[in-house]
Structure formats: structure tokens, C-alpha cells
C-alpha atoms as a PDB file:
ATOM      1  CA  MET A   1     122.532  90.591  89.780  1.00  0.00           C
ATOM      2  CA  SER A   2     122.390  93.555  91.522  1.00  0.00           C
ATOM      3  CA  ASP A   3     120.451  93.891  94.771  1.00  0.00           C
ATOM      4  CA  LEU A   4     118.531  97.362  95.553  1.00  0.00           C
ATOM      5  CA  LEU A   5     117.066  98.161  99.160  1.00  0.00           C
ATOM      6  CA  GLU A   6     115.361 101.184  99.588  1.00  0.00           C
ATOM      7  CA  TYR A   7     113.536 102.767 102.665  1.00  0.00           C
ATOM      8  CA  ARG A   8     111.211 105.605 102.881  1.00  0.00           C
ATOM      9  CA  VAL A   9     109.817 106.844 106.314  1.00  0.00           C
ATOM     10  CA  VAL A  10     105.872 107.374 106.241  1.00  0.00           C
ATOM     11  CA  ARG A  11     104.266 109.796 108.711  1.00  0.00           C
ATOM     12  CA  CYS A  12     101.381 107.210 109.480  1.00  0.00           C
ATOM     13  CA  PRO A  13     100.853 104.764 111.965  1.00  0.00           C
ATOM     14  CA  TYR A  14     101.885 101.287 111.330  1.00  0.00           C
ATOM     15  CA  ASN A  15      98.487  99.478 111.399  1.00  0.00           C
ATOM     16  CA  LEU A  16      96.724 102.079 109.352  1.00  0.00           C
ATOM     17  CA  ALA A  17      99.817 102.056 106.753  1.00  0.00           C
ATOM     18  CA  ARG A  18      99.799  98.270 106.321  1.00  0.00           C
ATOM     19  CA  GLN A  19      95.807  98.887 105.525  1.00  0.00           C
ATOM     20  CA  TYR A  20      96.271 101.666 103.309  1.00  0.00           C
ATOM     21  CA  LEU A  21      99.251  99.857 101.432  1.00  0.00           C
ATOM     22  CA  ALA A  22      97.209  96.709 100.845  1.00  0.00           C
ATOM     23  CA  GLU A  23      94.073  98.753  99.556  1.00  0.00           C
ATOM     24  CA  SER A  24      96.346 100.911  97.345  1.00  0.00           C
ATOM     25  CA  VAL A  25      98.232  97.975  95.742  1.00  0.00           C
ATOM     26  CA  GLU A  26      95.162  95.766  95.522  1.00  0.00           C
ATOM     27  CA  ALA A  27      93.361  98.239  93.706  1.00  0.00           C
ATOM     28  CA  ARG A  28      96.343  98.478  91.382  1.00  0.00           C
ATOM     29  CA  ALA A  29      96.845  94.891  91.015  1.00  0.00           C
ATOM     30  CA  ALA A  30      93.084  94.444  90.282  1.00  0.00           C
ATOM     31  CA  SER A  31      92.770  97.044  87.646  1.00  0.00           C
ATOM     32  CA  GLY A  32      95.361  94.937  85.288  1.00  0.00           C
ATOM     33  CA  ALA A  33      96.744  98.050  83.937  1.00  0.00           C
ATOM     34  CA  PRO A  34     100.487  98.284  84.921  1.00  0.00           C
ATOM     35  CA  GLY A  35     101.227 101.956  86.397  1.00  0.00           C
ATOM     36  CA  PRO A  36     103.696 104.293  84.743  1.00  0.00           C
ATOM     37  CA  LEU A  37     106.302 105.874  86.848  1.00  0.00           C
ATOM     38  CA  ALA A  38     108.434 108.602  85.315  1.00  0.00           C
ATOM     39  CA  LEU A  39     111.702 109.329  86.721  1.00  0.00           C
ATOM     40  CA  THR A  40     114.243 112.353  86.258  1.00  0.00           C
ATOM     41  CA  LEU A  41     117.728 111.956  87.580  1.00  0.00           C
ATOM     42  CA  SER A  42     120.329 114.557  87.463  1.00  0.00           C
ATOM     43  CA  VAL A  43     123.428 113.213  85.962  1.00  0.00           C
ATOM     44  CA  PRO A  44     126.633 114.678  85.081  1.00  0.00           C
ATOM     45  CA  GLY A  45     126.080 116.737  81.630  1.00  0.00           C
ATOM     46  CA  GLY A  46     122.472 116.782  81.771  1.00  0.00           C
ATOM     47  CA  GLU A  47     119.191 115.134  82.903  1.00  0.00           C
ATOM     48  CA  LEU A  48     118.118 111.228  82.099  1.00  0.00           C
ATOM     49  CA  VAL A  49     114.250 110.815  81.928  1.00  0.00           C
ATOM     50  CA  LYS A  50     113.266 107.104  82.763  1.00  0.00           C
ATOM     51  CA  GLU A  51     110.090 105.911  82.277  1.00  0.00           C
ATOM     52  CA  VAL A  52     108.985 102.307  83.941  1.00  0.00           C
ATOM     53  CA  VAL A  53     105.988 100.364  83.807  1.00  0.00           C
ATOM     54  CA  VAL A  54     105.059  99.023  87.599  1.00  0.00           C
ATOM     55  CA  THR A  55     103.066  95.776  88.303  1.00  0.00           C
ATOM     56  CA  TYR A  56     102.080  94.402  91.564  1.00  0.00           C
ATOM     57  CA  GLY A  57     100.922  91.548  92.821  1.00  0.00           C
ATOM     58  CA  THR A  58     100.678  89.602  96.531  1.00  0.00           C
ATOM     59  CA  ALA A  59     103.965  87.827  98.105  1.00  0.00           C
ATOM     60  CA  THR A  60     104.161  85.760 101.514  1.00  0.00           C
ATOM     61  CA  ASP A  61     106.252  86.477 104.411  1.00  0.00           C
ATOM     62  CA  PRO A  62     107.485  82.642 105.532  1.00  0.00           C
ATOM     63  CA  MET A  63     107.415  84.060 109.045  1.00  0.00           C
ATOM     64  CA  HIS A  64     103.904  85.617 108.850  1.00  0.00           C
ATOM     65  CA  PHE A  65     104.974  88.878 110.316  1.00  0.00           C
ATOM     66  CA  GLU A  66     104.269  91.193 107.449  1.00  0.00           C
ATOM     67  CA  GLN A  67     102.526  91.270 104.305  1.00  0.00           C
ATOM     68  CA  PRO A  68     104.802  91.925 101.702  1.00  0.00           C
ATOM     69  CA  TRP A  69     103.696  92.807  97.923  1.00  0.00           C
ATOM     70  CA  GLN A  70     105.355  91.855  94.796  1.00  0.00           C
ATOM     71  CA  VAL A  71     106.837  94.739  92.709  1.00  0.00           C
ATOM     72  CA  ARG A  72     107.882  94.377  89.240  1.00  0.00           C
ATOM     73  CA  TRP A  73     109.062  97.444  86.866  1.00  0.00           C
ATOM     74  CA  LYS A  74     110.141  97.014  83.525  1.00  0.00           C
ATOM     75  CA  PRO A  75     111.556 100.037  81.279  1.00  0.00           C
ATOM     76  CA  LYS A  76     109.145 101.390  78.484  1.00  0.00           C
ATOM     77  CA  ALA A  77     112.260 101.683  76.369  1.00  0.00           C
ATOM     78  CA  GLY A  78     116.034 102.000  76.414  1.00  0.00           C
ATOM     79  CA  PRO A  79     118.482  99.817  77.806  1.00  0.00           C
ATOM     80  CA  TYR A  80     117.322  99.613  81.364  1.00  0.00           C
ATOM     81  CA  PRO A  81     117.192  96.669  83.506  1.00  0.00           C
ATOM     82  CA  GLU A  82     114.084  95.027  84.861  1.00  0.00           C
ATOM     83  CA  PHE A  83     113.378  94.884  88.485  1.00  0.00           C
ATOM     84  CA  ASP A  84     111.717  92.123  90.742  1.00  0.00           C
ATOM     85  CA  GLY A  85     111.066  92.673  94.271  1.00  0.00           C
ATOM     86  CA  GLU A  86     108.928  93.225  97.549  1.00  0.00           C
ATOM     87  CA  LEU A  87     107.219  96.324  98.808  1.00  0.00           C
ATOM     88  CA  THR A  88     106.485  95.946 102.749  1.00  0.00           C
ATOM     89  CA  ALA A  89     105.101  98.497 105.484  1.00  0.00           C
ATOM     90  CA  ARG A  90     107.389  97.720 108.571  1.00  0.00           C
ATOM     91  CA  ALA A  91     106.974  98.995 111.976  1.00  0.00           C
ATOM     92  CA  ASP A  92     108.925 102.033 112.701  1.00  0.00           C
ATOM     93  CA  GLU A  93     110.477 103.470 116.059  1.00  0.00           C
ATOM     94  CA  THR A  94     107.607 105.340 117.196  1.00  0.00           C
ATOM     95  CA  TYR A  95     103.726 104.494 116.732  1.00  0.00           C
ATOM     96  CA  LYS A  96     103.239 107.798 114.529  1.00  0.00           C
ATOM     97  CA  SER A  97     105.496 106.605 111.614  1.00  0.00           C
ATOM     98  CA  THR A  98     106.147 103.562 109.301  1.00  0.00           C
ATOM     99  CA  LEU A  99     108.830 102.378 107.454  1.00  0.00           C
ATOM    100  CA  LEU A 100     108.291 101.547 103.810  1.00  0.00           C
ATOM    101  CA  GLU A 101     110.373  99.031 102.076  1.00  0.00           C
ATOM    102  CA  LEU A 102     111.427  98.059  98.892  1.00  0.00           C
ATOM    103  CA  LYS A 103     114.093  95.273  98.364  1.00  0.00           C
ATOM    104  CA  GLY A 104     114.743  93.076  95.261  1.00  0.00           C
ATOM    105  CA  SER A 105     117.241  92.425  92.396  1.00  0.00           C
ATOM    106  CA  TYR A 106     117.754  93.224  88.823  1.00  0.00           C
ATOM    107  CA  ARG A 107     120.483  92.225  86.388  1.00  0.00           C
ATOM    108  CA  PRO A 108     121.878  95.176  84.324  1.00  0.00           C
ATOM    109  CA  PRO A 109     121.862  94.538  80.471  1.00  0.00           C
ATOM    110  CA  GLY A 110     124.782  94.280  78.206  1.00  0.00           C
ATOM    111  CA  GLY A 111     127.111  91.680  80.101  1.00  0.00           C
ATOM    112  CA  ALA A 112     130.190  92.963  81.468  1.00  0.00           C
ATOM    113  CA  LEU A 113     129.745  96.405  80.128  1.00  0.00           C
ATOM    114  CA  GLY A 114     126.327  96.688  81.697  1.00  0.00           C
ATOM    115  CA  ALA A 115     127.984  95.496  85.179  1.00  0.00           C
ATOM    116  CA  ALA A 116     130.514  98.549  84.513  1.00  0.00           C
ATOM    117  CA  PHE A 117     127.809 100.653  83.973  1.00  0.00           C
ATOM    118  CA  ASP A 118     125.835  99.921  86.870  1.00  0.00           C
ATOM    119  CA  TRP A 119     128.730 100.270  89.309  1.00  0.00           C
ATOM    120  CA  ALA A 120     129.348 103.632  87.948  1.00  0.00           C
ATOM    121  CA  VAL A 121     126.030 105.062  87.018  1.00  0.00           C
ATOM    122  CA  GLY A 122     123.325 102.438  86.865  1.00  0.00           C
ATOM    123  CA  GLY A 123     122.940 101.732  90.532  1.00  0.00           C
ATOM    124  CA  ARG A 124     122.076 105.334  91.316  1.00  0.00           C
ATOM    125  CA  ILE A 125     119.328 104.952  88.757  1.00  0.00           C
ATOM    126  CA  ALA A 126     117.866 101.923  90.050  1.00  0.00           C
ATOM    127  CA  ALA A 127     117.936 103.479  93.459  1.00  0.00           C
ATOM    128  CA  ALA A 128     116.399 106.756  92.333  1.00  0.00           C
ATOM    129  CA  THR A 129     113.521 104.924  90.509  1.00  0.00           C
ATOM    130  CA  ALA A 130     112.974 103.247  93.994  1.00  0.00           C
ATOM    131  CA  GLN A 131     112.917 106.295  95.837  1.00  0.00           C
ATOM    132  CA  ALA A 132     110.429 107.719  93.176  1.00  0.00           C
ATOM    133  CA  LEU A 133     108.339 104.878  93.497  1.00  0.00           C
ATOM    134  CA  LEU A 134     108.092 104.918  97.507  1.00  0.00           C
ATOM    135  CA  GLU A 135     107.801 108.769  97.560  1.00  0.00           C
ATOM    136  CA  ARG A 136     104.713 108.276  95.357  1.00  0.00           C
ATOM    137  CA  ILE A 137     103.030 105.274  97.500  1.00  0.00           C
ATOM    138  CA  GLY A 138     104.167 107.355 100.815  1.00  0.00           C
ATOM    139  CA  ALA A 139     102.633 110.447  99.798  1.00  0.00           C
ATOM    140  CA  GLU A 140      99.521 108.727  98.856  1.00  0.00           C
ATOM    141  CA  MET A 141      99.411 106.858 102.289  1.00  0.00           C
ATOM    142  CA  GLU A 142     100.291 110.128 104.315  1.00  0.00           C
ATOM    143  CA  SER A 143      97.674 112.310 102.230  1.00  0.00           C
ATOM    144  CA  ARG A 144      94.824 109.326 103.277  1.00  0.00           C
ATOM    145  CA  TYR A 145      96.079 109.578 106.791  1.00  0.00           C
ATOM    146  CA  GLN A 146      95.817 113.168 107.167  1.00  0.00           C
ATOM    147  CA  ARG A 147      92.199 113.135 105.435  1.00  0.00           C
ATOM    148  CA  ASP A 148      91.052 110.718 107.686  1.00  0.00           C
ATOM    149  CA  GLU A 149      92.320 112.301 110.779  1.00  0.00           C
ATOM    150  CA  LEU A 150      90.695 115.510 109.519  1.00  0.00           C
ATOM    151  CA  ALA A 151      87.486 113.948 109.138  1.00  0.00           C
ATOM    152  CA  LYS A 152      87.522 112.121 112.618  1.00  0.00           C
ATOM    153  CA  ARG A 153      87.892 115.452 114.181  1.00  0.00           C
ATOM    154  CA  THR A 154      85.496 117.303 111.961  1.00  0.00           C
ATOM    155  CA  ASN A 155      82.661 114.609 112.472  1.00  0.00           C
ATOM    156  CA  ALA A 156      83.339 114.324 116.160  1.00  0.00           C
ATOM    157  CA  PRO A 157      80.568 114.826 118.662  1.00  0.00           C
ATOM    158  CA  SER A 158      80.753 118.005 120.427  1.00  0.00           C
END
């Protein structure tokens, strides 16, 4: 079993980031349709294209500090591992940003040979897949925050 922990700083206040993440994940989960995620990773000798299907659900923080979201991805094809984890918006050091965290685990397929591949290259592929997911979700959150802020300034009374 291999563990994964990746972060992305989102330029959006924590209270709004939590709201945006909840609405985004709930909409994806309610649609019932898993979301595809394509990843291109540079490897020695070329590029590797990996496509995974991502599904979301609710999770529980035993301390009730955060609202984590269950994330699972499964490869569409190929000898890649399935991932189970949690996605959480956490307070960052400033009020202007949020830390988007993805943590979980996966089991490399192929026994000892798969574990060796994971040590050599597979761990980088898993981290890049996680970063691609965080990038997509973080960019959506930042875009929504910018639109909301622009709307406030545009609609403000003179």
C-alpha cells in the first residue's frame, strides 16, 4: 500500500473555498456520472497519457473541524492502481488563501514488480494525477471567487 499526500494553495478565502468545494463536489456526486481526468506526464523517452475516472462522496472528520470529501479514482485502462482518499479545504496562513489537500492510498498492481515500479516511477505518476485533480478543482474555485468579487464591485451602489 502506498500513501499519497498532495496540496495546492488556492487564492480564495477559506470560508468561500469550503463553500465552493462543497457545492462543486456535491454537484459532481449528485450527477452520478464519474468525471474523467486525463493526465499527460513526461517520462524518460516520451510522455505517458493516463485517463482516470473520478467519483466523489461525503466523508466525516472525526474531530468535526473540516468537511472532507471522499475521492476515488479508477483507471479507464492499463495497469494503474485505484486510489481512495479524501479531499479537504484547510485554512491557510492568510485569510486570502486556502490549502486544498488530497490524501489517501493506493495499492500498486503487480505484486513485487508493481511495488518496484511504484518506487521508481509509479509514485510520481500518482502524485502528478493528484496534482492534476487539485489543479482542476483549485482553478475552478479561484475562477468562481474572481467572478463573485467582480460581481460585487460591479453591482455595488455608487
